[in-house]
Amino acid sequence: MSAQAPIPAAAQKALEGLADIATPLPVSWMPQTWGWTALAIALSVTLIVAAWRWRRHALANRYRAEALSALSALEAQALNTHTRADALVHIAELIKRTALAAYARTEVARLSGPAWVQFIRDSGVHGADDASTLLNDIEYRSRASLSAMSDADAKAVVRAARTWIEGHRVPA
């Protein structure tokens, strides 16, 4: 091994006079003009308003999601001949409860018979007419006649109920 040779004094002096490499300051992410700030504020306000409107819409239609969930549970019972009668009565009740949640109680609670059928038809849903009369008088039918209903008729009641729940429009 060889020892390192000493650095001459002149070279040592030159090395001491060197300065470190100067790095520039990092670039700021803050906008340099007022236009970018205004755009950021406008975008933030737009996002807040959109989130607020989405939340309000979701809360206003929560009853619809709950009704569709209850209808899905009743659908399997409506297709079984042993539980069909009870399921069909519950579907008719579900439609009335959904209407009471969506519309003013004074407008819906008093409806029965032809007025109820007309209300279902006037709510702006095409396809709910198929079983609206059946939904109207289901609670007055005997359990035996409801149990004897064909699978196709039971499916039509469920389909009409789903169509009405998904598609009825509530005035603003």
N, C-alpha and C. Protein backbone atom coordinates (compact mmCIF):
# COMPACT_ATOMS: atom_id res chain seq x y z
N MET A 1 0.82 -1.17 0.00
CA MET A 1 0.00 0.00 0.00
C MET A 1 0.87 1.23 0.00
N SER A 2 0.40 2.14 -0.75
CA SER A 2 1.18 3.37 -0.81
C SER A 2 0.41 4.46 -0.09
N ALA A 3 1.08 5.31 0.55
CA ALA A 3 0.46 6.42 1.25
C ALA A 3 0.13 7.49 0.23
N GLN A 4 -0.92 8.24 0.54
CA GLN A 4 -1.31 9.30 -0.38
C GLN A 4 -0.32 10.43 -0.28
N ALA A 5 -0.12 10.98 -1.44
CA ALA A 5 0.82 12.09 -1.49
C ALA A 5 0.13 13.33 -0.97
N PRO A 6 0.85 14.18 -0.23
CA PRO A 6 0.21 15.40 0.27
C PRO A 6 -0.14 16.34 -0.87
N ILE A 7 -1.27 17.08 -0.66
CA ILE A 7 -1.75 18.03 -1.66
C ILE A 7 -0.90 19.28 -1.52
N PRO A 8 -0.39 19.80 -2.63
CA PRO A 8 0.42 21.01 -2.55
C PRO A 8 -0.40 22.17 -2.00
N ALA A 9 0.24 23.12 -1.40
CA ALA A 9 -0.40 24.25 -0.74
C ALA A 9 -1.22 25.08 -1.73
N ALA A 10 -0.75 25.24 -2.93
CA ALA A 10 -1.48 26.04 -3.91
C ALA A 10 -2.79 25.36 -4.28
N ALA A 11 -2.75 24.05 -4.43
CA ALA A 11 -3.97 23.31 -4.77
C ALA A 11 -4.93 23.33 -3.59
N GLN A 12 -4.39 23.22 -2.38
CA GLN A 12 -5.22 23.28 -1.16
C GLN A 12 -5.94 24.62 -1.08
N LYS A 13 -5.28 25.67 -1.38
CA LYS A 13 -5.84 27.01 -1.35
C LYS A 13 -6.96 27.15 -2.38
N ALA A 14 -6.74 26.58 -3.57
CA ALA A 14 -7.73 26.64 -4.63
C ALA A 14 -8.98 25.84 -4.26
N LEU A 15 -8.79 24.69 -3.63
CA LEU A 15 -9.92 23.85 -3.22
C LEU A 15 -10.74 24.53 -2.12
N GLU A 16 -10.10 25.24 -1.23
CA GLU A 16 -10.83 25.92 -0.16
C GLU A 16 -11.67 27.07 -0.68
N GLY A 17 -11.32 27.63 -1.77
CA GLY A 17 -12.05 28.75 -2.34
C GLY A 17 -13.28 28.33 -3.13
N LEU A 18 -13.43 27.04 -3.38
CA LEU A 18 -14.59 26.57 -4.14
C LEU A 18 -15.84 26.64 -3.26
N ALA A 19 -16.96 26.96 -3.88
CA ALA A 19 -18.25 26.99 -3.18
C ALA A 19 -19.08 25.78 -3.61
N ASP A 20 -20.02 25.39 -2.75
CA ASP A 20 -20.92 24.27 -3.11
C ASP A 20 -21.80 24.68 -4.27
N ILE A 21 -22.34 23.67 -4.94
CA ILE A 21 -23.25 23.93 -6.05
C ILE A 21 -24.52 24.52 -5.48
N ALA A 22 -24.95 25.63 -6.02
CA ALA A 22 -26.17 26.29 -5.55
C ALA A 22 -27.35 25.73 -6.32
N THR A 23 -28.34 25.16 -5.59
CA THR A 23 -29.55 24.64 -6.24
C THR A 23 -30.63 25.71 -6.16
N PRO A 24 -31.45 25.80 -7.18
CA PRO A 24 -32.51 26.81 -7.14
C PRO A 24 -33.59 26.41 -6.13
N LEU A 25 -34.35 27.40 -5.69
CA LEU A 25 -35.45 27.12 -4.78
C LEU A 25 -36.52 26.30 -5.51
N PRO A 26 -37.24 25.45 -4.78
CA PRO A 26 -38.28 24.66 -5.45
C PRO A 26 -39.37 25.58 -5.99
N VAL A 27 -39.98 25.14 -7.10
CA VAL A 27 -41.03 25.92 -7.73
C VAL A 27 -42.29 25.84 -6.88
N SER A 28 -42.91 26.96 -6.64
CA SER A 28 -44.11 27.02 -5.82
C SER A 28 -45.32 26.49 -6.58
N TRP A 29 -46.19 25.79 -5.89
CA TRP A 29 -47.42 25.28 -6.49
C TRP A 29 -48.55 26.30 -6.39
N MET A 30 -48.33 27.35 -5.68
CA MET A 30 -49.34 28.40 -5.56
C MET A 30 -49.46 29.14 -6.89
N PRO A 31 -50.70 29.41 -7.30
CA PRO A 31 -50.88 30.13 -8.57
C PRO A 31 -50.26 31.52 -8.49
N GLN A 32 -49.70 31.93 -9.59
CA GLN A 32 -49.04 33.22 -9.63
C GLN A 32 -49.96 34.35 -10.06
N THR A 33 -51.12 34.00 -10.64
CA THR A 33 -52.04 35.04 -11.09
C THR A 33 -53.39 34.82 -10.44
N TRP A 34 -54.22 35.85 -10.41
CA TRP A 34 -55.52 35.76 -9.77
C TRP A 34 -56.48 34.87 -10.55
N GLY A 35 -56.26 34.66 -11.84
CA GLY A 35 -57.14 33.83 -12.66
C GLY A 35 -57.15 32.38 -12.21
N TRP A 36 -55.98 31.86 -11.86
CA TRP A 36 -55.91 30.48 -11.38
C TRP A 36 -56.59 30.35 -10.03
N THR A 37 -56.46 31.35 -9.20
CA THR A 37 -57.13 31.32 -7.89
C THR A 37 -58.64 31.35 -8.09
N ALA A 38 -59.11 32.20 -8.99
CA ALA A 38 -60.55 32.27 -9.26
C ALA A 38 -61.06 30.95 -9.83
N LEU A 39 -60.28 30.34 -10.71
CA LEU A 39 -60.68 29.05 -11.26
C LEU A 39 -60.75 27.98 -10.18
N ALA A 40 -59.79 27.95 -9.28
CA ALA A 40 -59.79 26.98 -8.19
C ALA A 40 -61.00 27.18 -7.28
N ILE A 41 -61.34 28.43 -6.99
CA ILE A 41 -62.51 28.72 -6.15
C ILE A 41 -63.79 28.30 -6.86
N ALA A 42 -63.89 28.63 -8.15
CA ALA A 42 -65.09 28.26 -8.91
C ALA A 42 -65.25 26.75 -9.00
N LEU A 43 -64.15 26.05 -9.22
CA LEU A 43 -64.19 24.59 -9.29
C LEU A 43 -64.58 24.00 -7.94
N SER A 44 -64.05 24.53 -6.86
CA SER A 44 -64.40 24.05 -5.52
C SER A 44 -65.87 24.27 -5.22
N VAL A 45 -66.38 25.43 -5.55
CA VAL A 45 -67.80 25.72 -5.31
C VAL A 45 -68.67 24.79 -6.15
N THR A 46 -68.29 24.55 -7.39
CA THR A 46 -69.05 23.65 -8.26
C THR A 46 -69.08 22.24 -7.69
N LEU A 47 -67.96 21.75 -7.21
CA LEU A 47 -67.91 20.41 -6.62
C LEU A 47 -68.74 20.32 -5.35
N ILE A 48 -68.72 21.34 -4.54
CA ILE A 48 -69.51 21.35 -3.30
C ILE A 48 -71.00 21.35 -3.63
N VAL A 49 -71.41 22.18 -4.58
CA VAL A 49 -72.83 22.23 -4.97
C VAL A 49 -73.28 20.90 -5.57
N ALA A 50 -72.44 20.30 -6.41
CA ALA A 50 -72.78 19.01 -7.02
C ALA A 50 -72.92 17.92 -5.95
N ALA A 51 -72.02 17.90 -4.99
CA ALA A 51 -72.11 16.92 -3.91
C ALA A 51 -73.36 17.14 -3.07
N TRP A 52 -73.68 18.39 -2.80
CA TRP A 52 -74.88 18.70 -2.01
C TRP A 52 -76.14 18.27 -2.74
N ARG A 53 -76.20 18.55 -4.05
CA ARG A 53 -77.38 18.15 -4.84
C ARG A 53 -77.49 16.64 -4.94
N TRP A 54 -76.37 15.94 -5.12
CA TRP A 54 -76.39 14.49 -5.18
C TRP A 54 -76.88 13.91 -3.87
N ARG A 55 -76.41 14.43 -2.77
CA ARG A 55 -76.83 13.96 -1.44
C ARG A 55 -78.32 14.21 -1.23
N ARG A 56 -78.81 15.37 -1.62
CA ARG A 56 -80.23 15.70 -1.47
C ARG A 56 -81.08 14.76 -2.32
N HIS A 57 -80.62 14.48 -3.54
CA HIS A 57 -81.34 13.55 -4.42
C HIS A 57 -81.35 12.14 -3.82
N ALA A 58 -80.21 11.70 -3.29
CA ALA A 58 -80.12 10.36 -2.70
C ALA A 58 -81.05 10.24 -1.49
N LEU A 59 -81.10 11.26 -0.66
CA LEU A 59 -81.98 11.23 0.50
C LEU A 59 -83.45 11.27 0.09
N ALA A 60 -83.76 12.03 -0.96
CA ALA A 60 -85.14 12.12 -1.42
C ALA A 60 -85.62 10.81 -2.03
N ASN A 61 -84.71 10.00 -2.56
CA ASN A 61 -85.10 8.74 -3.19
C ASN A 61 -84.76 7.51 -2.36
N ARG A 62 -84.43 7.71 -1.09
CA ARG A 62 -84.11 6.57 -0.23
C ARG A 62 -85.32 5.65 -0.06
N TYR A 63 -86.53 6.24 0.02
CA TYR A 63 -87.73 5.43 0.17
C TYR A 63 -87.89 4.47 -1.01
N ARG A 64 -87.48 4.92 -2.20
CA ARG A 64 -87.61 4.10 -3.40
C ARG A 64 -86.70 2.88 -3.32
N ALA A 65 -85.47 3.07 -2.87
CA ALA A 65 -84.53 1.95 -2.74
C ALA A 65 -85.02 0.96 -1.68
N GLU A 66 -85.55 1.48 -0.59
CA GLU A 66 -86.07 0.58 0.45
C GLU A 66 -87.28 -0.19 -0.05
N ALA A 67 -88.14 0.45 -0.82
CA ALA A 67 -89.32 -0.24 -1.37
C ALA A 67 -88.90 -1.32 -2.36
N LEU A 68 -87.91 -1.04 -3.19
CA LEU A 68 -87.45 -2.04 -4.15
C LEU A 68 -86.81 -3.22 -3.44
N SER A 69 -86.12 -2.95 -2.35
CA SER A 69 -85.53 -4.03 -1.57
C SER A 69 -86.62 -4.91 -0.95
N ALA A 70 -87.65 -4.28 -0.40
CA ALA A 70 -88.76 -5.04 0.17
C ALA A 70 -89.49 -5.83 -0.91
N LEU A 71 -89.64 -5.25 -2.09
CA LEU A 71 -90.31 -5.94 -3.19
C LEU A 71 -89.50 -7.16 -3.64
N SER A 72 -88.19 -7.04 -3.67
CA SER A 72 -87.35 -8.19 -4.04
C SER A 72 -87.54 -9.34 -3.06
N ALA A 73 -87.68 -9.02 -1.78
CA ALA A 73 -87.92 -10.07 -0.79
C ALA A 73 -89.30 -10.70 -0.98
N LEU A 74 -90.28 -9.90 -1.37
CA LEU A 74 -91.63 -10.42 -1.58
C LEU A 74 -91.79 -11.17 -2.90
N GLU A 75 -90.91 -10.92 -3.84
CA GLU A 75 -91.03 -11.54 -5.16
C GLU A 75 -90.92 -13.06 -5.07
N ALA A 76 -89.96 -13.55 -4.33
CA ALA A 76 -89.79 -15.00 -4.20
C ALA A 76 -91.02 -15.62 -3.53
N GLN A 77 -91.60 -14.92 -2.56
CA GLN A 77 -92.79 -15.43 -1.88
C GLN A 77 -93.99 -15.42 -2.83
N ALA A 78 -94.08 -14.43 -3.70
CA ALA A 78 -95.20 -14.34 -4.64
C ALA A 78 -95.17 -15.45 -5.67
N LEU A 79 -93.99 -15.99 -5.96
CA LEU A 79 -93.88 -17.06 -6.94
C LEU A 79 -94.07 -18.44 -6.33
N ASN A 80 -94.16 -18.52 -5.02
CA ASN A 80 -94.41 -19.78 -4.32
C ASN A 80 -95.90 -19.86 -4.02
N THR A 81 -96.55 -20.94 -4.43
CA THR A 81 -98.01 -21.04 -4.27
C THR A 81 -98.44 -21.07 -2.80
N HIS A 82 -97.58 -21.52 -1.91
CA HIS A 82 -97.93 -21.59 -0.49
C HIS A 82 -97.93 -20.22 0.19
N THR A 83 -97.08 -19.32 -0.28
CA THR A 83 -96.98 -17.99 0.34
C THR A 83 -97.48 -16.87 -0.57
N ARG A 84 -98.04 -17.23 -1.72
CA ARG A 84 -98.44 -16.24 -2.71
C ARG A 84 -99.48 -15.26 -2.17
N ALA A 85 -100.49 -15.74 -1.48
CA ALA A 85 -101.58 -14.88 -1.03
C ALA A 85 -101.05 -13.77 -0.12
N ASP A 86 -100.27 -14.15 0.87
CA ASP A 86 -99.72 -13.15 1.80
C ASP A 86 -98.79 -12.18 1.08
N ALA A 87 -97.97 -12.70 0.17
CA ALA A 87 -97.01 -11.85 -0.54
C ALA A 87 -97.74 -10.83 -1.40
N LEU A 88 -98.81 -11.24 -2.08
CA LEU A 88 -99.55 -10.30 -2.93
C LEU A 88 -100.23 -9.21 -2.12
N VAL A 89 -100.75 -9.57 -0.95
CA VAL A 89 -101.34 -8.56 -0.07
C VAL A 89 -100.27 -7.59 0.41
N HIS A 90 -99.09 -8.11 0.74
CA HIS A 90 -97.99 -7.24 1.19
C HIS A 90 -97.49 -6.35 0.06
N ILE A 91 -97.52 -6.83 -1.17
CA ILE A 91 -97.10 -6.00 -2.30
C ILE A 91 -98.06 -4.82 -2.48
N ALA A 92 -99.36 -5.09 -2.35
CA ALA A 92 -100.34 -3.99 -2.45
C ALA A 92 -100.12 -2.97 -1.33
N GLU A 93 -99.83 -3.46 -0.13
CA GLU A 93 -99.54 -2.55 0.98
C GLU A 93 -98.26 -1.76 0.73
N LEU A 94 -97.27 -2.43 0.14
CA LEU A 94 -95.99 -1.77 -0.15
C LEU A 94 -96.19 -0.62 -1.14
N ILE A 95 -97.02 -0.82 -2.14
CA ILE A 95 -97.30 0.24 -3.11
C ILE A 95 -97.95 1.43 -2.41
N LYS A 96 -98.89 1.18 -1.53
CA LYS A 96 -99.56 2.27 -0.82
C LYS A 96 -98.57 2.99 0.10
N ARG A 97 -97.73 2.23 0.82
CA ARG A 97 -96.74 2.86 1.71
C ARG A 97 -95.73 3.69 0.91
N THR A 98 -95.35 3.19 -0.25
CA THR A 98 -94.42 3.93 -1.11
C THR A 98 -95.06 5.23 -1.58
N ALA A 99 -96.32 5.16 -1.97
CA ALA A 99 -97.03 6.37 -2.40
C ALA A 99 -97.15 7.36 -1.25
N LEU A 100 -97.39 6.87 -0.05
CA LEU A 100 -97.48 7.76 1.11
C LEU A 100 -96.14 8.41 1.42
N ALA A 101 -95.05 7.70 1.16
CA ALA A 101 -93.72 8.28 1.39
C ALA A 101 -93.36 9.32 0.32
N ALA A 102 -93.86 9.11 -0.89
CA ALA A 102 -93.47 9.98 -2.00
C ALA A 102 -94.36 11.20 -2.14
N TYR A 103 -95.64 11.05 -1.90
CA TYR A 103 -96.60 12.12 -2.13
C TYR A 103 -97.16 12.61 -0.79
N ALA A 104 -97.88 13.71 -0.84
CA ALA A 104 -98.48 14.26 0.36
C ALA A 104 -99.53 13.28 0.90
N ARG A 105 -99.53 13.10 2.20
CA ARG A 105 -100.46 12.17 2.84
C ARG A 105 -101.90 12.55 2.53
N THR A 106 -102.20 13.83 2.50
CA THR A 106 -103.58 14.26 2.22
C THR A 106 -104.00 13.90 0.81
N GLU A 107 -103.03 13.76 -0.08
CA GLU A 107 -103.33 13.44 -1.47
C GLU A 107 -103.54 11.95 -1.69
N VAL A 108 -102.84 11.11 -0.91
CA VAL A 108 -102.81 9.67 -1.18
C VAL A 108 -103.63 8.85 -0.19
N ALA A 109 -103.65 9.23 1.06
CA ALA A 109 -104.23 8.38 2.10
C ALA A 109 -105.71 8.08 1.87
N ARG A 110 -106.44 9.00 1.33
CA ARG A 110 -107.89 8.82 1.15
C ARG A 110 -108.24 8.03 -0.10
N LEU A 111 -107.27 7.74 -0.96
CA LEU A 111 -107.57 7.09 -2.23
C LEU A 111 -107.85 5.60 -2.06
N SER A 112 -108.88 5.14 -2.77
CA SER A 112 -109.19 3.72 -2.83
C SER A 112 -110.04 3.49 -4.07
N GLY A 113 -110.19 2.24 -4.43
CA GLY A 113 -111.03 1.90 -5.57
C GLY A 113 -110.53 2.51 -6.87
N PRO A 114 -111.46 2.98 -7.71
CA PRO A 114 -111.08 3.55 -9.01
C PRO A 114 -110.17 4.78 -8.88
N ALA A 115 -110.33 5.54 -7.82
CA ALA A 115 -109.47 6.72 -7.63
C ALA A 115 -108.02 6.29 -7.40
N TRP A 116 -107.80 5.19 -6.68
CA TRP A 116 -106.45 4.67 -6.44
C TRP A 116 -105.85 4.17 -7.75
N VAL A 117 -106.64 3.45 -8.54
CA VAL A 117 -106.16 2.95 -9.83
C VAL A 117 -105.81 4.13 -10.74
N GLN A 118 -106.63 5.15 -10.74
CA GLN A 118 -106.36 6.33 -11.56
C GLN A 118 -105.09 7.05 -11.09
N PHE A 119 -104.88 7.10 -9.79
CA PHE A 119 -103.67 7.72 -9.25
C PHE A 119 -102.43 6.97 -9.73
N ILE A 120 -102.48 5.65 -9.69
CA ILE A 120 -101.33 4.85 -10.15
C ILE A 120 -101.08 5.13 -11.63
N ARG A 121 -102.14 5.20 -12.40
CA ARG A 121 -101.98 5.45 -13.84
C ARG A 121 -101.51 6.87 -14.13
N ASP A 122 -101.98 7.84 -13.35
CA ASP A 122 -101.63 9.24 -13.59
C ASP A 122 -100.25 9.62 -13.09
N SER A 123 -99.60 8.72 -12.38
CA SER A 123 -98.28 9.07 -11.84
C SER A 123 -97.20 9.07 -12.90
N GLY A 124 -97.59 8.83 -14.14
CA GLY A 124 -96.65 8.98 -15.25
C GLY A 124 -95.84 7.76 -15.58
N VAL A 125 -96.30 6.58 -15.18
CA VAL A 125 -95.54 5.37 -15.43
C VAL A 125 -96.27 4.52 -16.47
N HIS A 126 -95.60 4.18 -17.54
CA HIS A 126 -96.18 3.28 -18.53
C HIS A 126 -95.74 1.86 -18.16
N GLY A 127 -96.67 0.95 -18.17
CA GLY A 127 -96.36 -0.43 -17.81
C GLY A 127 -96.92 -0.81 -16.47
N ALA A 128 -97.28 0.15 -15.64
CA ALA A 128 -97.87 -0.16 -14.34
C ALA A 128 -99.36 -0.41 -14.48
N ASP A 129 -99.93 -0.11 -15.64
CA ASP A 129 -101.37 -0.32 -15.85
C ASP A 129 -101.74 -1.80 -15.84
N ASP A 130 -100.80 -2.67 -16.20
CA ASP A 130 -101.10 -4.09 -16.34
C ASP A 130 -101.81 -4.66 -15.11
N ALA A 131 -101.32 -4.33 -13.95
CA ALA A 131 -101.86 -4.94 -12.75
C ALA A 131 -102.40 -3.92 -11.76
N SER A 132 -102.63 -2.70 -12.20
CA SER A 132 -103.08 -1.68 -11.24
C SER A 132 -104.45 -2.02 -10.67
N THR A 133 -105.35 -2.56 -11.49
CA THR A 133 -106.65 -2.96 -10.97
C THR A 133 -106.50 -4.12 -10.01
N LEU A 134 -105.64 -5.05 -10.36
CA LEU A 134 -105.39 -6.19 -9.48
C LEU A 134 -104.79 -5.73 -8.16
N LEU A 135 -103.85 -4.79 -8.21
CA LEU A 135 -103.27 -4.27 -6.97
C LEU A 135 -104.32 -3.56 -6.12
N ASN A 136 -105.30 -2.97 -6.77
CA ASN A 136 -106.33 -2.24 -6.06
C ASN A 136 -107.21 -3.17 -5.22
N ASP A 137 -107.64 -4.29 -5.80
CA ASP A 137 -108.61 -5.12 -5.08
C ASP A 137 -108.01 -6.38 -4.48
N ILE A 138 -106.71 -6.47 -4.41
CA ILE A 138 -106.05 -7.66 -3.90
C ILE A 138 -106.44 -7.95 -2.44
N GLU A 139 -106.54 -6.89 -1.64
CA GLU A 139 -106.84 -7.12 -0.22
C GLU A 139 -108.28 -7.58 0.00
N TYR A 140 -109.13 -7.47 -1.00
CA TYR A 140 -110.52 -7.90 -0.87
C TYR A 140 -110.75 -9.29 -1.44
N ARG A 141 -109.77 -9.86 -2.07
CA ARG A 141 -109.90 -11.20 -2.61
C ARG A 141 -109.65 -12.23 -1.53
N SER A 142 -110.22 -13.41 -1.71
CA SER A 142 -110.02 -14.49 -0.74
C SER A 142 -108.60 -15.04 -0.87
N ARG A 143 -108.11 -15.62 0.20
CA ARG A 143 -106.78 -16.22 0.19
C ARG A 143 -106.71 -17.35 -0.84
N ALA A 144 -107.80 -18.09 -0.99
CA ALA A 144 -107.82 -19.21 -1.93
C ALA A 144 -107.68 -18.71 -3.36
N SER A 145 -108.37 -17.62 -3.70
CA SER A 145 -108.26 -17.11 -5.08
C SER A 145 -106.88 -16.52 -5.34
N LEU A 146 -106.28 -15.92 -4.33
CA LEU A 146 -104.92 -15.38 -4.50
C LEU A 146 -103.91 -16.51 -4.64
N SER A 147 -104.07 -17.58 -3.87
CA SER A 147 -103.14 -18.71 -3.97
C SER A 147 -103.30 -19.43 -5.30
N ALA A 148 -104.51 -19.40 -5.87
CA ALA A 148 -104.77 -20.07 -7.14
C ALA A 148 -104.34 -19.23 -8.34
N MET A 149 -103.89 -18.02 -8.11
CA MET A 149 -103.45 -17.14 -9.21
C MET A 149 -102.28 -17.79 -9.93
N SER A 150 -102.24 -17.65 -11.22
CA SER A 150 -101.16 -18.27 -12.01
C SER A 150 -99.83 -17.56 -11.74
N ASP A 151 -98.76 -18.28 -12.06
CA ASP A 151 -97.42 -17.70 -11.91
C ASP A 151 -97.26 -16.48 -12.80
N ALA A 152 -97.84 -16.53 -13.99
CA ALA A 152 -97.73 -15.39 -14.92
C ALA A 152 -98.41 -14.16 -14.34
N ASP A 153 -99.59 -14.34 -13.72
CA ASP A 153 -100.28 -13.20 -13.11
C ASP A 153 -99.51 -12.66 -11.91
N ALA A 154 -98.94 -13.57 -11.12
CA ALA A 154 -98.14 -13.13 -9.97
C ALA A 154 -96.91 -12.36 -10.44
N LYS A 155 -96.27 -12.84 -11.50
CA LYS A 155 -95.11 -12.12 -12.06
C LYS A 155 -95.53 -10.76 -12.60
N ALA A 156 -96.74 -10.69 -13.19
CA ALA A 156 -97.23 -9.41 -13.71
C ALA A 156 -97.45 -8.41 -12.59
N VAL A 157 -97.96 -8.89 -11.45
CA VAL A 157 -98.16 -7.99 -10.30
C VAL A 157 -96.81 -7.48 -9.81
N VAL A 158 -95.83 -8.36 -9.68
CA VAL A 158 -94.50 -7.95 -9.20
C VAL A 158 -93.86 -7.00 -10.20
N ARG A 159 -93.97 -7.31 -11.48
CA ARG A 159 -93.38 -6.46 -12.52
C ARG A 159 -94.04 -5.07 -12.52
N ALA A 160 -95.37 -5.04 -12.39
CA ALA A 160 -96.08 -3.75 -12.36
C ALA A 160 -95.69 -2.95 -11.12
N ALA A 161 -95.57 -3.62 -10.00
CA ALA A 161 -95.16 -2.93 -8.76
C ALA A 161 -93.75 -2.37 -8.91
N ARG A 162 -92.84 -3.17 -9.47
CA ARG A 162 -91.46 -2.69 -9.66
C ARG A 162 -91.43 -1.52 -10.63
N THR A 163 -92.20 -1.61 -11.71
CA THR A 163 -92.25 -0.53 -12.70
C THR A 163 -92.74 0.74 -12.06
N TRP A 164 -93.78 0.64 -11.24
CA TRP A 164 -94.33 1.84 -10.61
C TRP A 164 -93.34 2.42 -9.59
N ILE A 165 -92.73 1.58 -8.78
CA ILE A 165 -91.79 2.09 -7.77
C ILE A 165 -90.60 2.74 -8.43
N GLU A 166 -90.06 2.12 -9.46
CA GLU A 166 -88.88 2.69 -10.14
C GLU A 166 -89.21 3.93 -10.94
N GLY A 167 -90.41 4.01 -11.50
CA GLY A 167 -90.67 5.04 -12.47
C GLY A 167 -91.58 6.17 -12.09
N HIS A 168 -92.28 6.10 -10.94
CA HIS A 168 -93.20 7.19 -10.63
C HIS A 168 -92.42 8.49 -10.40
N ARG A 169 -93.02 9.56 -10.77
CA ARG A 169 -92.37 10.87 -10.63
C ARG A 169 -93.14 11.72 -9.64
N VAL A 170 -92.41 12.26 -8.71
CA VAL A 170 -92.99 13.12 -7.69
C VAL A 170 -92.82 14.56 -8.12
N PRO A 171 -93.90 15.36 -8.12
CA PRO A 171 -93.73 16.77 -8.49
C PRO A 171 -92.82 17.48 -7.50
N ALA A 172 -92.03 18.40 -8.01
CA ALA A 172 -91.04 19.09 -7.17
C ALA A 172 -91.65 20.04 -6.22
